[in-house]
Amino acid sequence: MTEKEHTKIAKDLLVGKTIKDVVYLSTNDANHSRWFVRPVMIIFDDKSVIIPMRDDEGNDGGALHYYDNEKSETIGVLWND
C-alpha cells in the first residue's frame, strides 16, 4: 500500500472527529491483549477509539509523541500491573 493510500485511510477515519476523553487502557484489557504496558486511549465523541500499538501486528501498546510550536511531549505507557 502506498503512502497516499495509507493517508487516505487515516484521514477518512480521523478528520473531523472530536476527542471526548483520554484514559489509559485497563489492566484487564491489557492482559486480554497479552500486553506488558497500558497505552493511553483517545476516545472520540462517536465512541470510536485510538489505541497506539508498538507495531503493525499489535504486539504491545505504544507511546504517542505530541508537539506544537511551544512544546514537545511524550505521552508514555503505563507498565501493566
PDB file of N, CA and C in Angstrom:
ATOM      1  N   MET A   1       0.851  -1.172   0.000  1.00  0.00           N
ATOM      2  CA  MET A   1       0.000   0.000   0.000  1.00  0.00           C
ATOM      3  C   MET A   1       0.901   1.242   0.000  1.00  0.00           C
ATOM      4  N   THR A   2       0.515   2.249  -0.742  1.00  0.00           N
ATOM      5  CA  THR A   2       1.322   3.459  -0.876  1.00  0.00           C
ATOM      6  C   THR A   2       1.045   4.425   0.284  1.00  0.00           C
ATOM      7  N   GLU A   3       1.938   5.417   0.434  1.00  0.00           N
ATOM      8  CA  GLU A   3       1.726   6.453   1.450  1.00  0.00           C
ATOM      9  C   GLU A   3       0.403   7.174   1.207  1.00  0.00           C
ATOM     10  N   LYS A   4       0.095   7.439  -0.064  1.00  0.00           N
ATOM     11  CA  LYS A   4      -1.154   8.120  -0.397  1.00  0.00           C
ATOM     12  C   LYS A   4      -2.362   7.296   0.064  1.00  0.00           C
ATOM     13  N   GLU A   5      -2.313   5.991  -0.131  1.00  0.00           N
ATOM     14  CA  GLU A   5      -3.418   5.118   0.294  1.00  0.00           C
ATOM     15  C   GLU A   5      -3.532   5.074   1.822  1.00  0.00           C
ATOM     16  N   HIS A   6      -2.388   4.958   2.506  1.00  0.00           N
ATOM     17  CA  HIS A   6      -2.396   4.978   3.971  1.00  0.00           C
ATOM     18  C   HIS A   6      -2.958   6.301   4.496  1.00  0.00           C
ATOM     19  N   THR A   7      -2.550   7.403   3.873  1.00  0.00           N
ATOM     20  CA  THR A   7      -3.009   8.721   4.287  1.00  0.00           C
ATOM     21  C   THR A   7      -4.511   8.858   4.103  1.00  0.00           C
ATOM     22  N   LYS A   8      -5.037   8.362   2.997  1.00  0.00           N
ATOM     23  CA  LYS A   8      -6.487   8.425   2.764  1.00  0.00           C
ATOM     24  C   LYS A   8      -7.247   7.666   3.845  1.00  0.00           C
ATOM     25  N   ILE A   9      -6.779   6.471   4.184  1.00  0.00           N
ATOM     26  CA  ILE A   9      -7.435   5.685   5.236  1.00  0.00           C
ATOM     27  C   ILE A   9      -7.426   6.462   6.551  1.00  0.00           C
ATOM     28  N   ALA A  10      -6.249   7.009   6.928  1.00  0.00           N
ATOM     29  CA  ALA A  10      -6.137   7.756   8.184  1.00  0.00           C
ATOM     30  C   ALA A  10      -7.054   8.972   8.189  1.00  0.00           C
ATOM     31  N   LYS A  11      -7.070   9.716   7.089  1.00  0.00           N
ATOM     32  CA  LYS A  11      -7.928  10.891   7.005  1.00  0.00           C
ATOM     33  C   LYS A  11      -9.404  10.514   7.083  1.00  0.00           C
ATOM     34  N   ASP A  12      -9.788   9.463   6.361  1.00  0.00           N
ATOM     35  CA  ASP A  12     -11.191   9.037   6.385  1.00  0.00           C
ATOM     36  C   ASP A  12     -11.627   8.646   7.795  1.00  0.00           C
ATOM     37  N   LEU A  13     -10.713   8.060   8.571  1.00  0.00           N
ATOM     38  CA  LEU A  13     -11.039   7.626   9.927  1.00  0.00           C
ATOM     39  C   LEU A  13     -11.010   8.761  10.952  1.00  0.00           C
ATOM     40  N   LEU A  14     -10.138   9.755  10.751  1.00  0.00           N
ATOM     41  CA  LEU A  14      -9.856  10.702  11.830  1.00  0.00           C
ATOM     42  C   LEU A  14     -10.282  12.142  11.616  1.00  0.00           C
ATOM     43  N   VAL A  15     -10.241  12.641  10.399  1.00  0.00           N
ATOM     44  CA  VAL A  15     -10.517  14.060  10.171  1.00  0.00           C
ATOM     45  C   VAL A  15     -11.953  14.388  10.567  1.00  0.00           C
ATOM     46  N   GLY A  16     -12.094  15.442  11.360  1.00  0.00           N
ATOM     47  CA  GLY A  16     -13.407  15.911  11.776  1.00  0.00           C
ATOM     48  C   GLY A  16     -13.901  15.340  13.089  1.00  0.00           C
ATOM     49  N   LYS A  17     -13.187  14.385  13.652  1.00  0.00           N
ATOM     50  CA  LYS A  17     -13.616  13.807  14.926  1.00  0.00           C
ATOM     51  C   LYS A  17     -13.284  14.760  16.062  1.00  0.00           C
ATOM     52  N   THR A  18     -14.026  14.625  17.152  1.00  0.00           N
ATOM     53  CA  THR A  18     -13.790  15.419  18.349  1.00  0.00           C
ATOM     54  C   THR A  18     -13.423  14.484  19.491  1.00  0.00           C
ATOM     55  N   ILE A  19     -12.323  14.803  20.165  1.00  0.00           N
ATOM     56  CA  ILE A  19     -11.900  13.979  21.299  1.00  0.00           C
ATOM     57  C   ILE A  19     -12.829  14.258  22.473  1.00  0.00           C
ATOM     58  N   LYS A  20     -13.390  13.186  23.034  1.00  0.00           N
ATOM     59  CA  LYS A  20     -14.294  13.304  24.175  1.00  0.00           C
ATOM     60  C   LYS A  20     -13.572  12.995  25.480  1.00  0.00           C
ATOM     61  N   ASP A  21     -12.623  12.045  25.455  1.00  0.00           N
ATOM     62  CA  ASP A  21     -11.958  11.639  26.689  1.00  0.00           C
ATOM     63  C   ASP A  21     -10.616  11.002  26.359  1.00  0.00           C
ATOM     64  N   VAL A  22      -9.752  10.951  27.345  1.00  0.00           N
ATOM     65  CA  VAL A  22      -8.461  10.284  27.241  1.00  0.00           C
ATOM     66  C   VAL A  22      -8.277   9.485  28.527  1.00  0.00           C
ATOM     67  N   VAL A  23      -8.091   8.185  28.400  1.00  0.00           N
ATOM     68  CA  VAL A  23      -7.883   7.299  29.559  1.00  0.00           C
ATOM     69  C   VAL A  23      -6.808   6.285  29.189  1.00  0.00           C
ATOM     70  N   TYR A  24      -6.243   5.642  30.201  1.00  0.00           N
ATOM     71  CA  TYR A  24      -5.315   4.553  29.933  1.00  0.00           C
ATOM     72  C   TYR A  24      -6.082   3.242  29.813  1.00  0.00           C
ATOM     73  N   LEU A  25      -5.617   2.368  28.932  1.00  0.00           N
ATOM     74  CA  LEU A  25      -6.190   1.037  28.770  1.00  0.00           C
ATOM     75  C   LEU A  25      -6.211   0.350  30.125  1.00  0.00           C
ATOM     76  N   SER A  26      -7.276  -0.352  30.429  1.00  0.00           N
ATOM     77  CA  SER A  26      -7.383  -1.015  31.730  1.00  0.00           C
ATOM     78  C   SER A  26      -6.408  -2.189  31.819  1.00  0.00           C
ATOM     79  N   THR A  27      -6.064  -2.546  33.035  1.00  0.00           N
ATOM     80  CA  THR A  27      -5.202  -3.709  33.259  1.00  0.00           C
ATOM     81  C   THR A  27      -5.828  -4.956  32.660  1.00  0.00           C
ATOM     82  N   ASN A  28      -7.131  -5.119  32.822  1.00  0.00           N
ATOM     83  CA  ASN A  28      -7.828  -6.286  32.294  1.00  0.00           C
ATOM     84  C   ASN A  28      -7.720  -6.351  30.773  1.00  0.00           C
ATOM     85  N   ASP A  29      -7.945  -5.222  30.101  1.00  0.00           N
ATOM     86  CA  ASP A  29      -7.856  -5.200  28.636  1.00  0.00           C
ATOM     87  C   ASP A  29      -6.426  -5.434  28.162  1.00  0.00           C
ATOM     88  N   ALA A  30      -5.446  -4.880  28.889  1.00  0.00           N
ATOM     89  CA  ALA A  30      -4.041  -5.118  28.530  1.00  0.00           C
ATOM     90  C   ALA A  30      -3.704  -6.599  28.684  1.00  0.00           C
ATOM     91  N   ASN A  31      -4.146  -7.201  29.769  1.00  0.00           N
ATOM     92  CA  ASN A  31      -3.904  -8.636  29.973  1.00  0.00           C
ATOM     93  C   ASN A  31      -4.561  -9.460  28.873  1.00  0.00           C
ATOM     94  N   HIS A  32      -5.781  -9.089  28.506  1.00  0.00           N
ATOM     95  CA  HIS A  32      -6.506  -9.806  27.452  1.00  0.00           C
ATOM     96  C   HIS A  32      -5.738  -9.760  26.124  1.00  0.00           C
ATOM     97  N   SER A  33      -5.083  -8.634  25.869  1.00  0.00           N
ATOM     98  CA  SER A  33      -4.300  -8.476  24.645  1.00  0.00           C
ATOM     99  C   SER A  33      -2.884  -9.025  24.775  1.00  0.00           C
ATOM    100  N   ARG A  34      -2.549  -9.523  25.980  1.00  0.00           N
ATOM    101  CA  ARG A  34      -1.205 -10.047  26.290  1.00  0.00           C
ATOM    102  C   ARG A  34      -0.140  -8.967  26.149  1.00  0.00           C
ATOM    103  N   TRP A  35      -0.499  -7.758  26.578  1.00  0.00           N
ATOM    104  CA  TRP A  35       0.423  -6.637  26.538  1.00  0.00           C
ATOM    105  C   TRP A  35       1.046  -6.440  27.908  1.00  0.00           C
ATOM    106  N   PHE A  36       2.282  -5.970  27.923  1.00  0.00           N
ATOM    107  CA  PHE A  36       3.005  -5.691  29.159  1.00  0.00           C
ATOM    108  C   PHE A  36       2.773  -4.266  29.648  1.00  0.00           C
ATOM    109  N   VAL A  37       2.342  -3.378  28.759  1.00  0.00           N
ATOM    110  CA  VAL A  37       2.123  -1.974  29.111  1.00  0.00           C
ATOM    111  C   VAL A  37       0.694  -1.563  28.780  1.00  0.00           C
ATOM    112  N   ARG A  38       0.275  -0.444  29.371  1.00  0.00           N
ATOM    113  CA  ARG A  38      -1.064   0.099  29.164  1.00  0.00           C
ATOM    114  C   ARG A  38      -0.954   1.451  28.483  1.00  0.00           C
ATOM    115  N   PRO A  39      -1.247   1.521  27.177  1.00  0.00           N
ATOM    116  CA  PRO A  39      -1.160   2.796  26.467  1.00  0.00           C
ATOM    117  C   PRO A  39      -2.382   3.674  26.735  1.00  0.00           C
ATOM    118  N   VAL A  40      -2.217   4.952  26.432  1.00  0.00           N
ATOM    119  CA  VAL A  40      -3.329   5.885  26.516  1.00  0.00           C
ATOM    120  C   VAL A  40      -4.317   5.569  25.393  1.00  0.00           C
ATOM    121  N   MET A  41      -5.602   5.741  25.671  1.00  0.00           N
ATOM    122  CA  MET A  41      -6.646   5.567  24.660  1.00  0.00           C
ATOM    123  C   MET A  41      -7.286   6.929  24.419  1.00  0.00           C
ATOM    124  N   ILE A  42      -7.466   7.270  23.164  1.00  0.00           N
ATOM    125  CA  ILE A  42      -8.145   8.510  22.795  1.00  0.00           C
ATOM    126  C   ILE A  42      -9.546   8.122  22.352  1.00  0.00           C
ATOM    127  N   ILE A  43     -10.537   8.641  23.054  1.00  0.00           N
ATOM    128  CA  ILE A  43     -11.936   8.289  22.804  1.00  0.00           C
ATOM    129  C   ILE A  43     -12.622   9.492  22.155  1.00  0.00           C
ATOM    130  N   PHE A  44     -13.260   9.242  21.019  1.00  0.00           N
ATOM    131  CA  PHE A  44     -13.941  10.300  20.279  1.00  0.00           C
ATOM    132  C   PHE A  44     -15.421  10.347  20.639  1.00  0.00           C
ATOM    133  N   ASP A  45     -16.068  11.443  20.275  1.00  0.00           N
ATOM    134  CA  ASP A  45     -17.474  11.639  20.623  1.00  0.00           C
ATOM    135  C   ASP A  45     -18.412  10.655  19.939  1.00  0.00           C
ATOM    136  N   ASP A  46     -17.962   9.990  18.877  1.00  0.00           N
ATOM    137  CA  ASP A  46     -18.793   8.978  18.220  1.00  0.00           C
ATOM    138  C   ASP A  46     -18.518   7.576  18.766  1.00  0.00           C
ATOM    139  N   LYS A  47     -17.760   7.505  19.892  1.00  0.00           N
ATOM    140  CA  LYS A  47     -17.400   6.277  20.599  1.00  0.00           C
ATOM    141  C   LYS A  47     -16.313   5.464  19.908  1.00  0.00           C
ATOM    142  N   SER A  48     -15.730   5.972  18.820  1.00  0.00           N
ATOM    143  CA  SER A  48     -14.569   5.308  18.244  1.00  0.00           C
ATOM    144  C   SER A  48     -13.359   5.624  19.117  1.00  0.00           C
ATOM    145  N   VAL A  49     -12.320   4.793  19.020  1.00  0.00           N
ATOM    146  CA  VAL A  49     -11.171   4.869  19.921  1.00  0.00           C
ATOM    147  C   VAL A  49      -9.888   4.678  19.134  1.00  0.00           C
ATOM    148  N   ILE A  50      -8.824   5.378  19.549  1.00  0.00           N
ATOM    149  CA  ILE A  50      -7.475   5.122  19.042  1.00  0.00           C
ATOM    150  C   ILE A  50      -6.652   4.571  20.193  1.00  0.00           C
ATOM    151  N   ILE A  51      -5.967   3.445  19.952  1.00  0.00           N
ATOM    152  CA  ILE A  51      -5.052   2.861  20.922  1.00  0.00           C
ATOM    153  C   ILE A  51      -3.713   2.682  20.220  1.00  0.00           C
ATOM    154  N   PRO A  52      -2.678   3.418  20.624  1.00  0.00           N
ATOM    155  CA  PRO A  52      -1.384   3.257  19.968  1.00  0.00           C
ATOM    156  C   PRO A  52      -0.795   1.879  20.246  1.00  0.00           C
ATOM    157  N   MET A  53      -0.188   1.277  19.227  1.00  0.00           N
ATOM    158  CA  MET A  53       0.416  -0.044  19.352  1.00  0.00           C
ATOM    159  C   MET A  53       1.892   0.023  19.001  1.00  0.00           C
ATOM    160  N   ARG A  54       2.645  -0.901  19.540  1.00  0.00           N
ATOM    161  CA  ARG A  54       4.085  -0.939  19.317  1.00  0.00           C
ATOM    162  C   ARG A  54       4.427  -1.164  17.850  1.00  0.00           C
ATOM    163  N   ASP A  55       3.629  -1.977  17.166  1.00  0.00           N
ATOM    164  CA  ASP A  55       3.900  -2.272  15.761  1.00  0.00           C
ATOM    165  C   ASP A  55       2.605  -2.626  15.049  1.00  0.00           C
ATOM    166  N   ASP A  56       2.694  -2.859  13.755  1.00  0.00           N
ATOM    167  CA  ASP A  56       1.510  -3.157  12.947  1.00  0.00           C
ATOM    168  C   ASP A  56       0.829  -4.467  13.330  1.00  0.00           C
ATOM    169  N   GLU A  57       1.547  -5.343  14.018  1.00  0.00           N
ATOM    170  CA  GLU A  57       0.990  -6.638  14.415  1.00  0.00           C
ATOM    171  C   GLU A  57       0.290  -6.580  15.770  1.00  0.00           C
ATOM    172  N   GLY A  58       0.331  -5.434  16.442  1.00  0.00           N
ATOM    173  CA  GLY A  58      -0.350  -5.284  17.727  1.00  0.00           C
ATOM    174  C   GLY A  58       0.335  -6.005  18.870  1.00  0.00           C
ATOM    175  N   ASN A  59       1.672  -6.071  18.843  1.00  0.00           N
ATOM    176  CA  ASN A  59       2.413  -6.826  19.848  1.00  0.00           C
ATOM    177  C   ASN A  59       2.442  -6.182  21.225  1.00  0.00           C
ATOM    178  N   ASP A  60       2.165  -4.913  21.359  1.00  0.00           N
ATOM    179  CA  ASP A  60       2.098  -4.255  22.664  1.00  0.00           C
ATOM    180  C   ASP A  60       1.614  -2.831  22.438  1.00  0.00           C
ATOM    181  N   GLY A  61       1.288  -2.165  23.524  1.00  0.00           N
ATOM    182  CA  GLY A  61       0.865  -0.781  23.433  1.00  0.00           C
ATOM    183  C   GLY A  61       2.038   0.132  23.112  1.00  0.00           C
ATOM    184  N   GLY A  62       1.744   1.339  22.676  1.00  0.00           N
ATOM    185  CA  GLY A  62       2.800   2.271  22.302  1.00  0.00           C
ATOM    186  C   GLY A  62       2.556   3.673  22.821  1.00  0.00           C
ATOM    187  N   ALA A  63       3.616   4.451  22.853  1.00  0.00           N
ATOM    188  CA  ALA A  63       3.567   5.838  23.294  1.00  0.00           C
ATOM    189  C   ALA A  63       3.189   6.746  22.126  1.00  0.00           C
ATOM    190  N   LEU A  64       2.740   7.949  22.461  1.00  0.00           N
ATOM    191  CA  LEU A  64       2.439   8.977  21.470  1.00  0.00           C
ATOM    192  C   LEU A  64       3.409  10.131  21.654  1.00  0.00           C
ATOM    193  N   HIS A  65       3.825  10.719  20.568  1.00  0.00           N
ATOM    194  CA  HIS A  65       4.642  11.929  20.660  1.00  0.00           C
ATOM    195  C   HIS A  65       3.786  13.099  20.208  1.00  0.00           C
ATOM    196  N   TYR A  66       3.738  14.138  21.055  1.00  0.00           N
ATOM    197  CA  TYR A  66       2.978  15.350  20.755  1.00  0.00           C
ATOM    198  C   TYR A  66       3.940  16.512  20.620  1.00  0.00           C
ATOM    199  N   TYR A  67       3.694  17.337  19.656  1.00  0.00           N
ATOM    200  CA  TYR A  67       4.448  18.590  19.595  1.00  0.00           C
ATOM    201  C   TYR A  67       3.641  19.662  18.892  1.00  0.00           C
ATOM    202  N   ASP A  68       3.919  20.898  19.286  1.00  0.00           N
ATOM    203  CA  ASP A  68       3.376  22.058  18.604  1.00  0.00           C
ATOM    204  C   ASP A  68       4.466  23.129  18.613  1.00  0.00           C
ATOM    205  N   ASN A  69       4.123  24.362  18.342  1.00  0.00           N
ATOM    206  CA  ASN A  69       5.133  25.418  18.259  1.00  0.00           C
ATOM    207  C   ASN A  69       5.749  25.778  19.605  1.00  0.00           C
ATOM    208  N   GLU A  70       5.111  25.361  20.705  1.00  0.00           N
ATOM    209  CA  GLU A  70       5.577  25.757  22.028  1.00  0.00           C
ATOM    210  C   GLU A  70       6.168  24.626  22.855  1.00  0.00           C
ATOM    211  N   LYS A  71       5.820  23.366  22.582  1.00  0.00           N
ATOM    212  CA  LYS A  71       6.314  22.285  23.431  1.00  0.00           C
ATOM    213  C   LYS A  71       6.364  20.969  22.677  1.00  0.00           C
ATOM    214  N   SER A  72       7.126  20.058  23.245  1.00  0.00           N
ATOM    215  CA  SER A  72       7.250  18.697  22.743  1.00  0.00           C
ATOM    216  C   SER A  72       7.075  17.782  23.945  1.00  0.00           C
ATOM    217  N   GLU A  73       6.204  16.800  23.829  1.00  0.00           N
ATOM    218  CA  GLU A  73       5.857  15.979  24.982  1.00  0.00           C
ATOM    219  C   GLU A  73       5.627  14.538  24.532  1.00  0.00           C
ATOM    220  N   THR A  74       6.044  13.595  25.344  1.00  0.00           N
ATOM    221  CA  THR A  74       5.730  12.196  25.109  1.00  0.00           C
ATOM    222  C   THR A  74       4.628  11.775  26.062  1.00  0.00           C
ATOM    223  N   ILE A  75       3.578  11.176  25.525  1.00  0.00           N
ATOM    224  CA  ILE A  75       2.521  10.584  26.341  1.00  0.00           C
ATOM    225  C   ILE A  75       2.875   9.127  26.448  1.00  0.00           C
ATOM    226  N   GLY A  76       3.430   8.746  27.581  1.00  0.00           N
ATOM    227  CA  GLY A  76       4.000   7.417  27.749  1.00  0.00           C
ATOM    228  C   GLY A  76       2.986   6.338  28.068  1.00  0.00           C
ATOM    229  N   VAL A  77       3.467   5.133  28.189  1.00  0.00           N
ATOM    230  CA  VAL A  77       2.672   3.981  28.551  1.00  0.00           C
ATOM    231  C   VAL A  77       2.828   3.708  30.038  1.00  0.00           C
ATOM    232  N   LEU A  78       1.880   2.987  30.618  1.00  0.00           N
ATOM    233  CA  LEU A  78       1.972   2.514  31.997  1.00  0.00           C
ATOM    234  C   LEU A  78       2.294   1.034  31.958  1.00  0.00           C
ATOM    235  N   TRP A  79       3.215   0.591  32.795  1.00  0.00           N
ATOM    236  CA  TRP A  79       3.514  -0.844  32.869  1.00  0.00           C
ATOM    237  C   TRP A  79       2.321  -1.563  33.442  1.00  0.00           C
ATOM    238  N   ASN A  80       1.961  -2.687  32.864  1.00  0.00           N
ATOM    239  CA  ASN A  80       0.815  -3.468  33.290  1.00  0.00           C
ATOM    240  C   ASN A  80       1.109  -4.086  34.645  1.00  0.00           C
ATOM    241  N   ASP A  81       0.174  -3.930  35.579  1.00  0.00           N
ATOM    242  CA  ASP A  81       0.357  -4.472  36.933  1.00  0.00           C
ATOM    243  C   ASP A  81       0.187  -5.974  36.956  1.00  0.00           C
TER     244      ASP A  81
END
